[in-house]
């Protein structure tokens, strides 16, 4: 099996450095051009999705020329620069904002170009000692203008007039030749929807169910958020069985629990050990029996694909996704028993805090067990964003099982897939031909349609479903973040936001794009029977970039 696209994130690092070096001197100049034009920002979507700028048109036209003849596409030398500048100011989804109104992911990427922190590079005031003119001081990273006013402001009217929408004929003229690329294999399907109105603008094989690969994570995200809410947190706890001196480390199914010295804001196993040790000492206990409880999840821990570096055994207790190196995403060797490994680390931290333990073994905490200490994950919204940005299979499988737990299903692979599908049915989404067997998309028996994928994205942008917004804000940003970091560097960087999917013979892409008229479009492109992953990816990227460069009327 071809290693899924998670490998792209790690493999992209040296390329990102080269791209960064190339665009750094141009970024400030491009930002200076874009910033004053942001005053003409308009809303791109009904669901409080971001404010967009008509000033993007000239840059997008330079990035690529869209027309009915796909062969007329050309990229310009300044495409990457224009794309990076646009990404700093043109936002397609209401996401986590900083004080300037700039989307966090884009701020971080822009700042990374100068290797310093903060949109103002850490300047605390405008005094001469910290101003842009100070010797050696870097210029601020481009930030969104103040016209990114509060969501729902009356001046931010949504563009939804039917006579101004892209037409099926116009889209077919542009996308048809591109989707006919032999690199896309024997079967390919595509759908384009206007997010503001929910109207399908283009469809080819819209209801034909194909293997979706990692775009399955969009379904998992929508199901988990709708079942539990964006503020839900996953809690790991240490409990003491009365009269036994047995401490049980109870897994809460948090795939982001970490044992690293720098927890980085994730649930901290070291902190849990320190708090547990303090609670035990208050009870006069400095030597205990240690056990661990993984009963929140059920069934086999091994995914149907077998042992694989893209996914650890799925268990309710795991630290750092069972990784055997210092990586935080992408494929790598995993420990065979993540729960036992996490508990051994917990024992080491307890020992450092003055509490001796027995060699840990599996158990189940009773209802009489007294909680000594807990640590909780960041909100589910943050976990969903991390899952989508990095195409994190471990988070995806955990969230699918958490969906089963929340809805009364059996939290194993089969039950998780059923729970996700049932949750989508409750949302009224189109499920004809759909079959969900896991949360990550690694299972080749998964089947999704382009129609469902675009419907998921439109639902995530629905103003009535704000808890689903992380599905949009977590999408990788072309040329900036996650699995799209090294793609679109010479195309619509920052304008395309999409979840990638790659298995042997399967290449998919689903996300959002801003067209030349400032409308937010949701799209889904699925290809099956591909033989060259790189060529297939490039073909999908050309199609997505075509949407950004076209009014298509």
Protein backbone atom coordinates (compact mmCIF):
# COMPACT_ATOMS: atom_id res chain seq x y z
CA UNK A 1 0.00 0.00 0.00
CA UNK A 2 1.21 3.50 -0.83
CA UNK A 3 2.01 5.37 2.37
CA UNK A 4 -0.83 7.89 2.96
CA UNK A 5 -0.29 11.56 2.59
CA UNK A 6 0.84 12.10 6.15
CA UNK A 7 4.35 11.44 4.91
CA UNK A 8 4.11 14.62 2.85
CA UNK A 9 4.24 16.77 5.99
CA UNK A 10 7.57 15.42 7.11
CA UNK A 11 9.00 15.10 3.63
CA UNK A 12 8.00 18.69 2.87
CA UNK A 13 10.23 20.29 5.49
CA UNK A 14 13.35 20.83 3.36
CA UNK A 15 11.21 22.08 0.50
CA UNK A 16 9.43 24.54 2.77
CA UNK A 17 12.77 25.98 3.81
CA UNK A 18 13.69 26.58 0.19
CA UNK A 19 10.31 28.13 -0.57
CA UNK A 20 10.61 30.30 2.53
CA UNK A 21 14.04 31.56 1.50
CA UNK A 22 12.73 32.36 -1.95
CA UNK A 23 9.68 34.32 -0.90
CA UNK A 24 11.00 36.14 2.17
CA UNK A 25 12.26 39.25 0.34
CA UNK A 26 9.09 39.42 -1.70
CA UNK A 27 6.62 38.89 1.08
CA UNK A 28 6.76 42.37 2.55
CA UNK A 29 6.43 43.95 -0.90
CA UNK A 30 3.45 41.76 -1.77
CA UNK A 31 1.84 42.43 1.58
CA UNK A 32 2.17 46.14 1.00
CA UNK A 33 0.23 45.79 -2.22
CA UNK A 34 -2.50 43.65 -0.73
CA UNK A 35 -3.04 45.42 2.59
CA UNK A 36 -4.60 48.70 1.33
CA UNK A 37 -6.84 46.82 -1.04
CA UNK A 38 -8.37 44.79 1.77
CA UNK A 39 -10.71 47.70 2.41
CA UNK A 40 -12.83 46.27 -0.38
CA UNK A 41 -13.35 43.02 1.51
CA UNK A 42 -16.70 41.26 1.04
CA UNK A 43 -18.28 38.25 2.68
CA UNK A 44 -17.86 34.98 0.83
CA UNK A 45 -20.38 32.86 2.63
CA UNK A 46 -23.57 32.76 4.63
CA UNK A 47 -22.07 30.73 7.53
CA UNK A 48 -20.07 33.54 9.02
CA UNK A 49 -17.26 32.33 6.87
CA UNK A 50 -14.68 34.96 6.25
CA UNK A 51 -14.47 38.32 4.65
CA UNK A 52 -12.90 38.36 1.25
CA UNK A 53 -11.42 40.97 -1.03
CA UNK A 54 -12.18 41.90 -4.60
CA UNK A 55 -8.57 42.98 -4.81
CA UNK A 56 -7.66 39.33 -5.10
CA UNK A 57 -8.64 39.31 -8.75
CA UNK A 58 -5.46 40.79 -10.20
CA UNK A 59 -3.25 38.51 -8.16
CA UNK A 60 -5.28 35.42 -9.01
CA UNK A 61 -5.19 36.31 -12.67
CA UNK A 62 -1.43 36.45 -12.48
CA UNK A 63 -1.32 33.16 -10.61
CA UNK A 64 -3.18 31.33 -13.34
CA UNK A 65 -5.36 31.98 -16.34
CA UNK A 66 -8.55 29.93 -16.35
CA UNK A 67 -10.46 29.27 -19.49
CA UNK A 68 -12.43 26.61 -21.31
CA UNK A 69 -9.21 25.19 -22.66
CA UNK A 70 -7.27 23.53 -19.83
CA UNK A 71 -4.04 23.69 -21.82
CA UNK A 72 -4.00 27.48 -21.58
CA UNK A 73 -3.12 27.30 -17.88
CA UNK A 74 0.15 29.00 -17.03
CA UNK A 75 1.80 29.82 -13.74
CA UNK A 76 3.72 33.06 -13.32
CA UNK A 77 7.02 33.57 -11.56
CA UNK A 78 5.35 35.69 -8.89
CA UNK A 79 2.56 33.23 -8.13
CA UNK A 80 3.95 32.01 -4.82
CA UNK A 81 4.52 35.55 -3.60
CA UNK A 82 0.98 36.65 -4.50
CA UNK A 83 -0.46 33.55 -2.93
CA UNK A 84 1.42 34.05 0.33
CA UNK A 85 0.37 37.66 0.56
CA UNK A 86 -3.24 36.81 -0.15
CA UNK A 87 -3.18 34.07 2.45
CA UNK A 88 -2.28 36.59 5.11
CA UNK A 89 -5.31 38.72 4.35
CA UNK A 90 -7.93 36.71 2.51
CA UNK A 91 -9.64 34.33 4.89
CA UNK A 92 -12.18 31.75 3.79
CA UNK A 93 -13.40 30.52 7.16
CA UNK A 94 -14.18 32.01 10.54
CA UNK A 95 -11.45 30.49 12.61
CA UNK A 96 -9.34 31.23 15.63
CA UNK A 97 -8.54 34.93 15.38
CA UNK A 98 -5.75 36.90 16.97
CA UNK A 99 -6.05 40.58 17.90
CA UNK A 100 -5.48 41.69 14.32
CA UNK A 101 -8.23 39.50 12.90
CA UNK A 102 -5.75 37.32 11.06
CA UNK A 103 -6.31 33.57 10.93
CA UNK A 104 -3.91 31.80 13.25
CA UNK A 105 -2.53 29.32 10.75
CA UNK A 106 -1.66 32.05 8.27
CA UNK A 107 -0.17 34.26 10.95
CA UNK A 108 2.08 31.45 12.10
CA UNK A 109 3.24 30.69 8.58
CA UNK A 110 3.89 34.32 7.72
CA UNK A 111 5.81 34.82 10.93
CA UNK A 112 7.83 31.69 10.24
CA UNK A 113 9.18 33.36 7.12
CA UNK A 114 11.09 35.73 9.39
CA UNK A 115 11.81 33.17 12.14
CA UNK A 116 10.33 35.34 14.90
CA UNK A 117 7.09 35.25 16.86
CA UNK A 118 3.88 37.23 16.84
CA UNK A 119 2.26 39.28 14.11
CA UNK A 120 4.22 42.27 15.37
CA UNK A 121 7.34 40.18 15.96
CA UNK A 122 7.15 40.71 19.69
CA UNK A 123 7.20 44.49 19.64
CA UNK A 124 5.43 45.78 22.74
CA UNK A 125 4.99 49.38 21.65
CA UNK A 126 5.76 51.78 18.83
CA UNK A 127 8.76 53.40 20.46
CA UNK A 128 11.89 53.89 18.40
CA UNK A 129 13.56 50.97 20.12
CA UNK A 130 10.99 48.50 18.94
CA UNK A 131 9.79 50.04 15.69
CA UNK A 132 10.28 48.64 12.22
CA UNK A 133 13.04 51.17 11.65
CA UNK A 134 15.09 49.95 14.59
CA UNK A 135 18.38 48.41 13.54
CA UNK A 136 17.89 44.79 12.62
CA UNK A 137 14.18 44.73 13.45
CA UNK A 138 12.12 42.59 11.10
CA UNK A 139 9.04 44.03 9.50
CA UNK A 140 5.69 42.88 10.83
CA UNK A 141 4.18 39.85 9.15
CA UNK A 142 1.21 40.82 6.97
CA UNK A 143 -1.99 40.96 8.99
CA UNK A 144 -5.63 41.15 8.06
CA UNK A 145 -6.96 44.69 7.90
CA UNK A 146 -9.39 46.18 10.39
CA UNK A 147 -12.17 45.71 7.84
CA UNK A 148 -12.44 42.15 9.13
CA UNK A 149 -15.22 43.37 11.36
CA UNK A 150 -17.44 41.34 13.65
CA UNK A 151 -19.11 38.39 12.05
CA UNK A 152 -22.57 39.11 10.79
CA UNK A 153 -22.06 42.85 10.35
CA UNK A 154 -24.57 44.40 8.01
CA UNK A 155 -21.87 45.73 5.72
CA UNK A 156 -20.62 42.24 5.01
CA UNK A 157 -23.36 41.14 2.66
CA UNK A 158 -23.12 37.66 1.25
CA UNK A 159 -22.77 37.34 -2.48
CA UNK A 160 -25.55 34.97 -3.41
CA UNK A 161 -27.39 36.49 -6.35
CA UNK A 162 -28.19 33.61 -8.65
CA UNK A 163 -27.31 35.58 -11.76
CA UNK A 164 -23.80 36.14 -10.39
CA UNK A 165 -22.99 32.54 -9.55
CA UNK A 166 -20.67 30.41 -11.61
CA UNK A 167 -22.68 28.40 -14.12
CA UNK A 168 -22.59 24.70 -14.85
CA UNK A 169 -21.58 25.47 -18.41
CA UNK A 170 -18.78 27.77 -17.31
CA UNK A 171 -17.47 25.30 -14.74
CA UNK A 172 -17.71 22.41 -17.18
CA UNK A 173 -15.70 24.38 -19.71
CA UNK A 174 -12.89 24.88 -17.21
CA UNK A 175 -13.02 21.70 -15.15
CA UNK A 176 -13.97 19.23 -17.87
CA UNK A 177 -10.61 19.18 -19.67
CA UNK A 178 -8.69 19.22 -16.37
CA UNK A 179 -10.66 16.31 -14.93
CA UNK A 180 -10.09 14.44 -18.16
CA UNK A 181 -6.39 14.21 -17.38
CA UNK A 182 -5.35 10.52 -17.71
CA UNK A 183 -3.35 10.93 -14.50
CA UNK A 184 -6.69 10.82 -12.63
CA UNK A 185 -7.21 7.18 -13.50
CA UNK A 186 -10.19 5.23 -14.70
CA UNK A 187 -12.86 6.84 -12.49
CA UNK A 188 -13.17 10.39 -11.27
CA UNK A 189 -16.04 12.34 -9.71
CA UNK A 190 -16.43 16.02 -8.90
CA UNK A 191 -18.89 18.41 -7.30
CA UNK A 192 -18.75 22.19 -6.80
CA UNK A 193 -21.24 23.93 -4.49
CA UNK A 194 -21.79 27.58 -3.61
CA UNK A 195 -21.44 27.66 0.19
CA UNK A 196 -23.62 30.78 0.60
CA UNK A 197 -26.67 29.23 -1.06
CA UNK A 198 -25.93 25.51 -0.86
CA UNK A 199 -26.62 25.33 -4.59
CA UNK A 200 -24.77 22.69 -6.59
CA UNK A 201 -23.06 24.43 -9.48
CA UNK A 202 -21.30 21.48 -11.07
CA UNK A 203 -21.50 17.73 -10.72
CA UNK A 204 -19.90 14.79 -12.46
CA UNK A 205 -20.61 11.40 -10.90
CA UNK A 206 -21.86 13.27 -7.82
CA UNK A 207 -23.51 10.23 -6.24
CA UNK A 208 -20.95 7.64 -7.32
CA UNK A 209 -19.37 6.27 -4.16
CA UNK A 210 -15.59 5.86 -4.35
CA UNK A 211 -12.82 5.13 -1.86
CA UNK A 212 -12.27 8.51 -0.17
CA UNK A 213 -8.96 7.87 1.64
CA UNK A 214 -8.27 10.60 4.21
CA UNK A 215 -11.10 12.88 3.13
CA UNK A 216 -13.08 10.50 5.37
CA UNK A 217 -11.74 12.62 8.23
CA UNK A 218 -14.12 15.41 7.20
CA UNK A 219 -17.03 13.07 7.96
CA UNK A 220 -15.43 12.02 11.24
CA UNK A 221 -14.95 15.65 12.25
CA UNK A 222 -18.54 16.64 11.51
CA UNK A 223 -19.91 13.60 13.34
CA UNK A 224 -17.73 14.10 16.44
CA UNK A 225 -18.43 17.82 16.73
CA UNK A 226 -22.17 17.40 16.25
CA UNK A 227 -22.31 14.57 18.78
CA UNK A 228 -20.16 16.15 21.51
CA UNK A 229 -19.79 19.85 20.76
CA UNK A 230 -16.67 21.88 20.15
CA UNK A 231 -16.02 22.56 23.84
CA UNK A 232 -16.00 18.89 24.88
CA UNK A 233 -12.73 17.73 26.47
CA UNK A 234 -11.28 14.25 26.92
CA UNK A 235 -10.11 13.51 30.44
CA UNK A 236 -7.46 11.11 31.71
CA UNK A 237 -7.56 10.42 35.44
CA UNK A 238 -5.74 8.62 38.21
CA UNK A 239 -7.98 6.91 40.74
CA UNK A 240 -7.34 5.17 44.05
CA UNK A 241 -9.21 1.99 44.91
CA UNK A 242 -10.18 2.25 48.59
CA UNK A 243 -8.46 -0.07 51.07
CA UNK A 244 -6.18 -1.59 48.38
CA UNK A 245 -3.43 0.95 47.70
CA UNK A 246 -4.13 0.36 44.01
CA UNK A 247 -3.84 3.38 41.73
CA UNK A 248 -5.54 3.00 38.36
CA UNK A 249 -4.59 5.18 35.40
CA UNK A 250 -7.91 5.47 33.59
CA UNK A 251 -7.73 6.22 29.89
CA UNK A 252 -10.22 8.78 28.61
CA UNK A 253 -9.55 8.12 24.96
CA UNK A 254 -7.43 11.26 24.54
CA UNK A 255 -5.10 10.71 21.57
CA UNK A 256 -3.22 13.93 22.34
CA UNK A 257 -2.09 13.02 25.86
CA UNK A 258 1.65 13.66 26.00
CA UNK A 259 4.59 12.59 28.15
CA UNK A 260 6.94 15.16 26.62
CA UNK A 261 8.76 17.63 28.86
CA UNK A 262 7.04 20.45 26.99
CA UNK A 263 3.37 19.51 26.81
CA UNK A 264 2.64 22.36 24.43
CA UNK A 265 -0.87 22.88 25.78
CA UNK A 266 -1.95 19.24 25.42
CA UNK A 267 -2.95 17.03 28.35
CA UNK A 268 0.23 16.51 30.38
CA UNK A 269 1.04 13.04 31.76
CA UNK A 270 3.88 14.46 33.84
CA UNK A 271 1.56 16.98 35.47
CA UNK A 272 -0.93 14.19 36.17
CA UNK A 273 1.79 12.20 37.92
CA UNK A 274 2.88 15.16 40.04
CA UNK A 275 -0.69 15.87 41.13
CA UNK A 276 -1.31 12.18 41.80
CA UNK A 277 1.83 11.90 43.90
CA UNK A 278 0.82 14.96 45.94
CA UNK A 279 -2.64 13.49 46.56
CA UNK A 280 -1.17 10.14 47.62
CA UNK A 281 1.28 11.74 50.03
CA UNK A 282 -1.58 13.63 51.68
CA UNK A 283 -3.04 10.19 52.37
CA UNK A 284 0.28 8.97 53.72
CA UNK A 285 0.94 6.72 50.72
CA UNK A 286 4.36 6.56 49.07
CA UNK A 287 4.19 3.02 47.67
CA UNK A 288 1.27 1.72 45.60
CA UNK A 289 0.17 -0.93 43.14
CA UNK A 290 -0.23 0.59 39.67
CA UNK A 291 -2.77 -0.53 37.06
CA UNK A 292 -4.30 0.92 33.91
CA UNK A 293 -7.84 0.91 32.55
CA UNK A 294 -8.56 1.01 28.80
CA UNK A 295 -12.16 -0.19 28.93
CA UNK A 296 -13.63 3.01 27.48
CA UNK A 297 -12.91 1.54 24.03
CA UNK A 298 -13.79 -1.97 22.93
CA UNK A 299 -12.77 -4.50 20.29
CA UNK A 300 -9.50 -5.11 18.53
CA UNK A 301 -6.85 -2.42 18.74
CA UNK A 302 -5.33 -3.22 15.34
CA UNK A 303 -6.80 -1.50 12.28
CA UNK A 304 -7.94 -3.79 9.44
CA UNK A 305 -4.88 -2.71 7.43
CA UNK A 306 -2.72 -4.36 10.09
CA UNK A 307 0.28 -2.98 11.93
CA UNK A 308 1.22 0.21 10.13
CA UNK A 309 3.47 3.23 10.84
CA UNK A 310 0.56 5.55 10.03
CA UNK A 311 -1.47 4.45 13.05
CA UNK A 312 -0.81 3.13 16.54
CA UNK A 313 -2.95 0.38 18.05
CA UNK A 314 -6.20 2.12 18.96
CA UNK A 315 -6.67 2.24 22.72
CA UNK A 316 -8.28 4.54 25.29
CA UNK A 317 -4.88 5.19 26.88
CA UNK A 318 -1.87 6.30 24.90
CA UNK A 319 0.89 8.89 25.22
CA UNK A 320 2.23 10.70 22.16
CA UNK A 321 0.33 8.31 19.90
CA UNK A 322 2.72 5.51 20.84
CA UNK A 323 5.48 7.12 18.76
CA UNK A 324 8.99 5.78 19.21
CA UNK A 325 10.69 9.03 18.17
CA UNK A 326 10.18 12.73 18.78
CA UNK A 327 7.81 13.23 15.84
CA UNK A 328 4.34 14.66 16.36
CA UNK A 329 2.81 13.79 12.99
CA UNK A 330 3.40 11.55 10.02
CA UNK A 331 4.30 7.87 9.84
CA UNK A 332 6.77 6.38 12.28
CA UNK A 333 7.31 3.17 14.24
CA UNK A 334 4.86 2.72 17.13
CA UNK A 335 4.98 0.77 20.38
CA UNK A 336 2.99 -2.46 20.33
CA UNK A 337 1.06 -1.66 23.54
CA UNK A 338 0.51 2.10 23.91
CA UNK A 339 -1.44 1.76 27.19
CA UNK A 340 1.28 -0.25 28.94
CA UNK A 341 3.92 2.11 27.58
CA UNK A 342 2.06 5.21 28.81
CA UNK A 343 1.60 3.67 32.25
CA UNK A 344 5.28 2.80 32.51
CA UNK A 345 6.11 6.42 31.81
CA UNK A 346 3.54 7.46 34.39
CA UNK A 347 5.27 5.18 36.91
CA UNK A 348 8.62 6.85 36.16
CA UNK A 349 7.10 10.28 36.78
CA UNK A 350 5.53 9.07 40.02
CA UNK A 351 8.91 7.75 41.14
CA UNK A 352 10.50 11.11 40.40
CA UNK A 353 7.84 12.65 42.63
CA UNK A 354 8.58 10.24 45.46
CA UNK A 355 6.02 7.48 44.96
CA UNK A 356 7.11 3.91 44.26
CA UNK A 357 4.90 1.61 42.20
CA UNK A 358 4.60 -2.01 41.19
CA UNK A 359 5.06 -3.07 37.59
CA UNK A 360 1.81 -1.90 35.93
CA UNK A 361 -0.83 -4.26 34.55
CA UNK A 362 -4.34 -3.99 33.08
CA UNK A 363 -7.34 -3.55 35.34
CA UNK A 364 -10.68 -1.76 35.53
CA UNK A 365 -11.46 1.03 37.96
CA UNK A 366 -14.48 0.29 40.13
CA UNK A 367 -17.27 2.74 40.78
CA UNK A 368 -15.86 3.18 44.30
CA UNK A 369 -12.47 4.38 43.05
CA UNK A 370 -11.66 7.88 44.23
CA UNK A 371 -10.25 10.28 41.67
CA UNK A 372 -6.86 11.62 42.73
CA UNK A 373 -6.06 13.87 39.78
CA UNK A 374 -7.10 14.56 36.20
CA UNK A 375 -5.77 16.18 33.04
CA UNK A 376 -7.93 17.15 30.10
CA UNK A 377 -7.34 17.70 26.42
CA UNK A 378 -7.87 21.05 24.74
CA UNK A 379 -11.43 21.50 23.41
CA UNK A 380 -12.59 19.06 20.77
CA UNK A 381 -12.50 21.90 18.26
CA UNK A 382 -8.72 22.05 18.64
CA UNK A 383 -8.35 18.28 18.29
CA UNK A 384 -10.41 18.37 15.10
CA UNK A 385 -8.23 21.11 13.63
CA UNK A 386 -5.06 19.17 14.42
CA UNK A 387 -6.56 16.02 12.94
CA UNK A 388 -7.50 17.69 9.67
CA UNK A 389 -4.41 19.86 9.27
CA UNK A 390 -1.95 17.00 9.80
CA UNK A 391 -4.24 14.21 8.58
CA UNK A 392 -3.74 12.56 11.96
CA UNK A 393 -5.03 8.98 11.80
CA UNK A 394 -4.67 8.39 15.55
CA UNK A 395 -6.90 11.34 16.40
CA UNK A 396 -9.38 10.33 13.70
CA UNK A 397 -9.83 6.80 15.02
CA UNK A 398 -10.13 8.06 18.60
CA UNK A 399 -12.76 10.64 17.66
CA UNK A 400 -14.77 8.07 15.73
CA UNK A 401 -14.85 5.86 18.82
CA UNK A 402 -15.64 8.84 21.03
CA UNK A 403 -18.62 9.48 18.75
CA UNK A 404 -19.77 5.93 19.41
CA UNK A 405 -19.34 6.41 23.16
CA UNK A 406 -21.31 9.67 23.07
CA UNK A 407 -24.19 8.16 21.10
CA UNK A 408 -24.44 4.81 22.85
CA UNK A 409 -22.72 2.71 20.19
CA UNK A 410 -20.05 0.09 20.60
CA UNK A 411 -16.67 1.88 20.52
CA UNK A 412 -14.80 -0.50 18.22
CA UNK A 413 -13.93 -0.10 14.56
CA UNK A 414 -17.31 -1.31 13.26
CA UNK A 415 -19.32 0.55 15.89
CA UNK A 416 -17.38 3.76 15.36
CA UNK A 417 -18.06 3.70 11.63
CA UNK A 418 -21.76 3.09 12.27
CA UNK A 419 -21.86 5.90 14.81
CA UNK A 420 -20.29 8.38 12.41
CA UNK A 421 -22.70 7.42 9.65
CA UNK A 422 -25.69 7.58 11.99
CA UNK A 423 -24.68 11.04 13.13
CA UNK A 424 -24.47 12.24 9.53
CA UNK A 425 -27.94 10.83 8.90
CA UNK A 426 -29.27 12.86 11.84
CA UNK A 427 -27.87 15.96 10.15
CA UNK A 428 -29.85 15.17 7.00
CA UNK A 429 -26.78 14.63 4.84
CA UNK A 430 -26.93 12.58 1.60
CA UNK A 431 -25.80 9.03 2.35
CA UNK A 432 -26.75 7.11 -0.78
CA UNK A 433 -23.97 4.60 -1.48
CA UNK A 434 -21.98 5.76 1.56
CA UNK A 435 -20.15 3.21 3.71
CA UNK A 436 -17.94 4.26 6.63
CA UNK A 437 -15.77 1.52 8.13
CA UNK A 438 -13.31 3.61 10.17
CA UNK A 439 -12.56 7.17 11.21
CA UNK A 440 -9.31 7.79 9.34
CA UNK A 441 -9.98 6.63 5.80
CA UNK A 442 -7.21 4.02 5.88
CA UNK A 443 -9.80 1.29 5.30
CA UNK A 444 -10.15 0.72 1.57
CA UNK A 445 -13.73 -0.44 2.08
CA UNK A 446 -14.82 3.10 2.96
CA UNK A 447 -17.07 4.67 0.33
CA UNK A 448 -18.03 8.35 0.12
CA UNK A 449 -19.49 10.49 -2.64
CA UNK A 450 -18.43 13.91 -3.84
CA UNK A 451 -21.99 14.97 -3.07
CA UNK A 452 -21.60 14.02 0.61
CA UNK A 453 -18.18 15.65 0.97
CA UNK A 454 -19.41 19.01 -0.33
CA UNK A 455 -22.56 18.70 1.78
CA UNK A 456 -20.38 18.18 4.86
CA UNK A 457 -18.42 21.35 4.08
CA UNK A 458 -21.59 23.37 3.50
CA UNK A 459 -23.03 22.05 6.77
CA UNK A 460 -19.82 23.07 8.55
CA UNK A 461 -20.35 26.58 7.24
CA UNK A 462 -23.99 26.77 8.32
CA UNK A 463 -24.55 29.76 10.62
CA UNK A 464 -26.92 27.60 12.64
CA UNK A 465 -24.15 25.05 13.35
CA UNK A 466 -21.26 27.09 14.78
CA UNK A 467 -19.92 24.02 16.58
CA UNK A 468 -18.95 22.60 13.18
CA UNK A 469 -16.77 25.56 12.16
CA UNK A 470 -13.47 23.80 13.06
CA UNK A 471 -14.08 21.55 10.06
CA UNK A 472 -13.39 24.57 7.88
CA UNK A 473 -10.71 26.22 9.99
CA UNK A 474 -8.80 22.95 10.31
CA UNK A 475 -8.48 22.33 6.59
CA UNK A 476 -4.85 22.49 5.41
CA UNK A 477 -4.05 25.83 3.79
CA UNK A 478 -2.46 25.54 0.36
CA UNK A 479 1.22 26.38 0.55
CA UNK A 480 1.00 27.08 4.28
CA UNK A 481 -0.03 24.26 6.59
CA UNK A 482 -0.26 20.52 7.11
CA UNK A 483 -0.47 18.18 4.17
CA UNK A 484 -0.70 21.09 1.69
CA UNK A 485 2.49 22.80 2.87
CA UNK A 486 4.50 21.76 -0.16
CA UNK A 487 1.64 21.99 -2.67
CA UNK A 488 0.41 25.08 -4.52
CA UNK A 489 3.68 26.92 -3.93
CA UNK A 490 3.38 28.04 -7.55
CA UNK A 491 -0.40 28.21 -7.61
CA UNK A 492 -3.31 29.41 -5.47
CA UNK A 493 -1.43 29.37 -2.17
CA UNK A 494 -3.61 30.51 0.70
CA UNK A 495 -6.76 30.52 -1.43
CA UNK A 496 -7.37 26.77 -1.59
CA UNK A 497 -8.11 25.04 1.73
CA UNK A 498 -8.56 21.31 1.41
CA UNK A 499 -8.28 17.88 2.96
CA UNK A 500 -6.08 15.54 0.97
CA UNK A 501 -6.46 11.80 0.53
CA UNK A 502 -3.98 9.26 -0.81
CA UNK A 503 -3.92 5.47 -0.94
CA UNK A 504 -2.56 3.18 -3.61
CA UNK A 505 -4.64 3.96 -6.71
CA UNK A 506 -6.68 6.60 -4.88
CA UNK A 507 -6.24 10.38 -4.84
CA UNK A 508 -8.83 12.77 -3.42
CA UNK A 509 -9.16 16.42 -2.50
CA UNK A 510 -12.09 18.19 -0.80
CA UNK A 511 -12.29 21.67 0.61
CA UNK A 512 -13.07 25.30 -0.10
CA UNK A 513 -11.80 27.90 -2.53
CA UNK A 514 -12.50 31.57 -3.16
CA UNK A 515 -13.28 32.33 -6.78
CA UNK A 516 -12.47 35.56 -8.62
CA UNK A 517 -15.77 37.11 -7.58
CA UNK A 518 -15.11 36.53 -3.89
CA UNK A 519 -17.54 33.65 -3.48
CA UNK A 520 -16.70 30.71 -1.30
CA UNK A 521 -17.09 27.44 -3.16
CA UNK A 522 -16.97 23.96 -1.66
CA UNK A 523 -15.54 21.28 -3.90
CA UNK A 524 -14.81 17.57 -3.83
CA UNK A 525 -12.64 15.72 -6.34
CA UNK A 526 -12.21 11.94 -6.14
CA UNK A 527 -10.07 9.79 -8.45
CA UNK A 528 -9.75 6.01 -8.46
CA UNK A 529 -7.44 3.77 -10.45
CA UNK A 530 -4.55 6.24 -10.45
CA UNK A 531 -1.06 4.89 -11.07
CA UNK A 532 1.17 7.90 -10.38
CA UNK A 533 0.35 9.61 -7.05
CA UNK A 534 2.39 12.72 -7.78
CA UNK A 535 0.81 13.22 -11.21
CA UNK A 536 -2.66 12.64 -9.80
CA UNK A 537 -2.06 15.16 -7.02
CA UNK A 538 -0.85 17.72 -9.53
CA UNK A 539 -3.96 17.17 -11.67
CA UNK A 540 -6.26 17.67 -8.66
CA UNK A 541 -4.33 20.79 -7.65
CA UNK A 542 -4.73 22.24 -11.14
CA UNK A 543 -8.48 21.68 -10.96
CA UNK A 544 -8.76 23.33 -7.54
CA UNK A 545 -6.62 26.25 -8.65
CA UNK A 546 -8.85 26.63 -11.71
CA UNK A 547 -11.78 27.34 -9.41
CA UNK A 548 -9.80 30.12 -7.73
CA UNK A 549 -8.93 31.73 -11.06
CA UNK A 550 -12.35 31.54 -12.65
CA UNK A 551 -15.68 33.35 -12.52
CA UNK A 552 -16.97 30.54 -14.73
CA UNK A 553 -20.10 32.16 -16.11
